[in-house]
Protein backbone atom coordinates (compact mmCIF):
# COMPACT_ATOMS: atom_id res chain seq x y z
CA MET A 1 12.81 -17.20 87.35
CA ARG A 2 13.88 -20.55 87.36
CA LYS A 3 11.68 -22.77 89.27
CA THR A 4 13.95 -26.02 91.09
CA ALA A 5 13.18 -28.69 91.87
CA ASP A 6 11.32 -29.66 94.64
CA PRO A 7 12.88 -32.31 97.05
CA ASP A 8 10.26 -34.57 97.20
CA VAL A 9 11.14 -35.53 93.78
CA PHE A 10 14.79 -37.04 94.83
CA ASP A 11 12.99 -38.15 97.67
CA GLN A 12 10.26 -40.70 95.08
CA LEU A 13 13.23 -41.21 92.62
CA ASP A 14 15.87 -42.74 95.26
CA ASP A 15 12.33 -44.91 96.20
CA GLN A 16 11.71 -45.77 92.85
CA LEU A 17 15.67 -47.17 92.51
CA GLU A 18 15.88 -48.94 95.51
CA ALA A 19 12.50 -50.35 94.50
CA ASP A 20 13.74 -51.96 91.06
CA ALA A 21 16.96 -52.97 92.43
CA PRO A 22 17.29 -56.56 93.08
CA ASP A 23 17.65 -57.62 96.88
CA ALA A 24 20.72 -59.69 98.03
CA GLU A 25 18.62 -62.86 98.09
CA THR A 26 18.07 -62.10 94.46
CA THR A 27 21.28 -61.74 93.33
CA GLU A 28 22.74 -64.68 94.98
CA ASN A 29 20.24 -66.95 92.94
CA LEU A 30 21.35 -65.02 89.63
CA PRO A 31 22.93 -68.13 87.33
CA VAL A 32 26.93 -67.08 87.22
CA ALA A 33 28.84 -68.37 84.17
CA PRO A 34 31.18 -71.41 85.02
CA ALA A 35 34.10 -70.49 85.19
CA VAL A 36 36.07 -72.67 81.70
CA PRO A 37 38.73 -75.03 83.44
CA PRO A 38 42.12 -75.04 83.05
CA ALA A 39 42.50 -77.82 81.42
CA ARG A 40 39.82 -76.57 78.49
CA ARG A 41 42.47 -73.60 78.06
CA ARG A 42 45.62 -75.48 77.93
CA ARG A 43 43.61 -77.68 74.79
CA ALA A 44 42.73 -74.11 73.17
CA ALA A 45 46.15 -72.98 73.47
CA ALA A 46 48.07 -75.42 72.21
CA ALA A 47 45.91 -75.79 69.50
CA LEU A 48 46.12 -72.30 68.39
CA VAL A 49 49.69 -72.64 68.35
CA ALA A 50 49.42 -76.28 66.44
CA THR A 51 47.84 -73.73 63.95
CA LEU A 52 50.50 -71.28 64.00
CA LEU A 53 53.10 -73.65 63.60
CA ILE A 54 51.53 -75.60 60.54
CA GLY A 55 50.22 -72.06 58.55
CA ALA A 56 53.79 -71.24 59.27
CA LEU A 57 55.64 -74.25 58.06
CA ALA A 58 53.31 -74.47 54.96
CA TYR A 59 54.08 -70.78 54.01
CA SER A 60 57.72 -71.52 54.50
CA GLY A 61 57.20 -74.63 52.43
CA TYR A 62 55.43 -72.44 49.83
CA ALA A 63 57.97 -69.65 50.10
CA GLY A 64 60.86 -72.17 49.19
CA TRP A 65 59.23 -73.66 46.66
CA ARG A 66 58.38 -70.63 45.06
CA LEU A 67 62.27 -69.05 45.31
CA HIS A 68 63.68 -72.64 43.69
CA GLN A 69 61.18 -71.37 40.96
CA VAL A 70 63.13 -68.28 40.70
CA ASP A 71 66.25 -69.90 40.69
CA ALA A 72 65.79 -72.31 37.98
CA ARG A 73 64.23 -69.84 35.72
CA ALA A 74 67.22 -67.87 36.05
CA ALA A 75 70.02 -70.78 35.82
CA ALA A 76 68.10 -71.79 33.04
CA GLY A 77 68.38 -68.25 31.17
CA GLN A 78 71.81 -68.23 31.92
CA ALA A 79 72.74 -71.56 30.79
CA ALA A 80 70.19 -70.69 27.99
CA LEU A 81 72.13 -67.46 26.92
CA ALA A 82 75.68 -69.01 26.94
CA ALA A 83 74.61 -71.47 24.58
CA ALA A 84 72.64 -69.18 22.55
CA LYS A 85 76.06 -66.97 22.04
CA ASP A 86 78.16 -69.73 21.22
CA TYR A 87 75.67 -71.55 19.02
CA ALA A 88 75.16 -67.82 16.70
CA VAL A 89 78.63 -67.97 16.74
CA VAL A 90 78.92 -71.54 14.80
CA LEU A 91 75.93 -69.88 12.38
CA THR A 92 77.88 -67.20 11.59
CA THR A 93 80.92 -68.79 11.22
CA LEU A 94 81.78 -70.45 7.83
CA ASP A 95 84.83 -71.87 6.25
CA THR A 96 84.55 -73.77 2.52
CA ALA A 97 87.58 -75.57 3.41
CA ASP A 98 85.18 -77.51 6.73
CA ILE A 99 81.79 -76.86 5.14
CA ASP A 100 80.72 -80.03 6.35
CA GLY A 101 82.04 -79.67 9.60
CA ASN A 102 80.56 -76.42 10.16
CA TYR A 103 77.50 -77.38 8.66
CA ALA A 104 77.30 -80.54 11.43
CA ARG A 105 78.08 -78.42 14.41
CA ALA A 106 75.24 -76.10 13.05
CA LEU A 107 72.78 -79.03 13.04
CA ASP A 108 74.18 -80.15 16.25
CA GLY A 109 72.86 -77.12 18.35
CA ALA A 110 69.39 -77.03 16.42
CA THR A 111 66.31 -78.67 17.24
CA GLY A 112 62.63 -78.78 15.33
CA GLN A 113 61.84 -76.62 12.64
CA PHE A 114 64.69 -75.20 12.79
CA LYS A 115 66.63 -78.33 11.98
CA ASP A 116 64.99 -79.39 9.52
CA ALA A 117 64.89 -75.60 7.44
CA TYR A 118 68.64 -75.08 8.43
CA THR A 119 68.90 -78.76 7.22
CA LEU A 120 67.29 -77.95 3.86
CA GLY A 121 69.11 -74.46 3.30
CA ALA A 122 72.08 -75.94 3.91
CA LYS A 123 71.76 -78.60 0.98
CA GLN A 124 70.70 -75.82 -1.76
CA LEU A 125 73.10 -73.61 -0.73
CA ARG A 126 76.51 -75.89 0.05
CA GLN A 127 77.77 -75.51 -3.47
CA ILE A 128 77.45 -72.09 -4.19
CA LEU A 129 79.51 -71.39 -1.03
CA ILE A 130 81.97 -73.76 -2.41
CA ASP A 131 81.95 -71.95 -5.87
CA ASN A 132 82.37 -68.89 -4.48
CA LYS A 133 85.04 -69.68 -2.07
CA ALA A 134 82.66 -67.53 1.02
CA SER A 135 83.80 -67.79 4.37
CA GLY A 136 82.65 -65.60 7.33
CA LYS A 137 83.55 -65.25 10.50
CA GLY A 138 81.07 -64.17 13.39
CA ILE A 139 81.46 -62.51 16.91
CA VAL A 140 78.75 -62.12 19.55
CA LEU A 141 78.72 -58.14 20.70
CA ASP A 142 76.17 -59.03 23.12
CA ALA A 143 73.24 -60.70 24.45
CA ALA A 144 70.13 -60.95 27.00
CA LEU A 145 67.29 -62.74 27.91
CA LYS A 146 64.22 -61.59 26.23
CA SER A 147 62.09 -64.34 28.54
CA ALA A 148 63.01 -67.56 30.25
CA ALA A 149 61.03 -70.59 31.75
CA PRO A 150 62.90 -73.15 33.43
CA ASN A 151 62.68 -75.42 29.68
CA ARG A 152 62.30 -72.49 27.02
CA VAL A 153 64.24 -69.23 26.52
CA GLU A 154 64.34 -66.65 24.35
CA VAL A 155 67.69 -64.65 23.56
CA LEU A 156 68.38 -61.12 22.12
CA LEU A 157 72.01 -61.27 20.27
CA PHE A 158 73.55 -58.56 18.39
CA VAL A 159 76.43 -60.51 16.04
CA ASP A 160 78.46 -58.77 13.65
CA GLN A 161 79.77 -61.33 10.68
CA SER A 162 82.61 -60.36 8.75
CA ILE A 163 81.92 -62.36 5.57
CA THR A 164 84.74 -62.40 2.42
CA ASN A 165 84.43 -64.56 -0.90
CA ALA A 166 86.46 -65.06 -4.27
CA VAL A 167 84.96 -61.75 -5.44
CA ARG A 168 85.71 -59.79 -2.90
CA SER A 169 88.71 -60.27 -0.49
CA GLU A 170 88.41 -57.13 1.59
CA PRO A 171 85.37 -58.41 4.69
CA ARG A 172 81.99 -56.98 3.82
CA LEU A 173 80.81 -56.58 7.96
CA ASP A 174 76.77 -57.51 8.29
CA ARG A 175 75.51 -56.06 11.38
CA ASN A 176 72.96 -58.89 12.45
CA ARG A 177 70.10 -58.41 15.44
CA ILE A 178 69.05 -62.28 16.27
CA GLN A 179 66.03 -63.76 18.30
CA MET A 180 66.70 -67.18 18.90
CA THR A 181 64.53 -69.23 20.97
CA MET A 182 66.43 -71.77 23.15
CA GLU A 183 64.53 -75.55 24.37
CA ARG A 184 66.22 -77.51 26.60
CA ILE A 185 65.86 -81.19 25.46
CA ASP A 186 68.23 -84.21 27.10
CA GLU A 187 69.79 -81.43 29.17
CA ARG A 188 71.46 -79.41 26.43
CA TRP A 189 70.26 -75.97 25.44
CA LEU A 190 68.97 -76.48 21.46
CA ALA A 191 67.73 -73.57 19.13
CA SER A 192 64.36 -74.47 18.32
CA ARG A 193 64.11 -70.60 15.93
CA VAL A 194 66.29 -68.10 14.89
CA ASP A 195 64.86 -65.12 13.44
CA LEU A 196 66.70 -61.69 11.92
CA ILE A 197 65.34 -58.91 13.25
C-alpha cells in the first residue's frame, strides 16, 4: 500500500519557500547592471568593422602578392622554355663552313661553368670537326619544364640531331635527351648547365 504525502507537508514547503523568497523591498535594493551607453556600443561596432576591414585588406594584399608570384613563375618558365628550345637547336646545329659563327652563337647563349667548359671543348674540337667536314642539324621534338623559379628554370628536351661527315655522307640520327638549366641574367635566359641524360 502506497503512502501519500500529508497535505501539511505541502503547506510546510510553501511556508519555507515564502520565507526564503526575497521581499519586494529587498529586490528593489539589489544592484542592477548598468546599461551599456549607446556611444560605447557604436565605438565597439566601429572598431569591429575596422578590424574586419583591415583583415580583409591584408588578406587581399597577400592573395594578390601570391598570385603575382605564381604568374611571375609561370611567365619565367615559359620564357626560359622558349629560350632553351632555341638554344638546344644552336648547340646541336653545326656547319664547318661557319664553325666560328656556330661557336659564337653557342657561347652567346651560355653562362657560368657551362660557358667555360664549352669554350675549352670548342677549342679542342674545332680542327677535328673541320678536318672531318662534320655537320649537324638539331630539331627539338618536345620540351617541358622540370622546375621553375623567377630566375632559374630547369628544362627537359628531346632533340634529334642529324650528323654527317667526310666518311659518312648519309646522315646518322642521334636521339638526345637533354636537361638544361637556364638562368636569367640581365633579362636574358642563358644556359648555365647542359647534361645529356
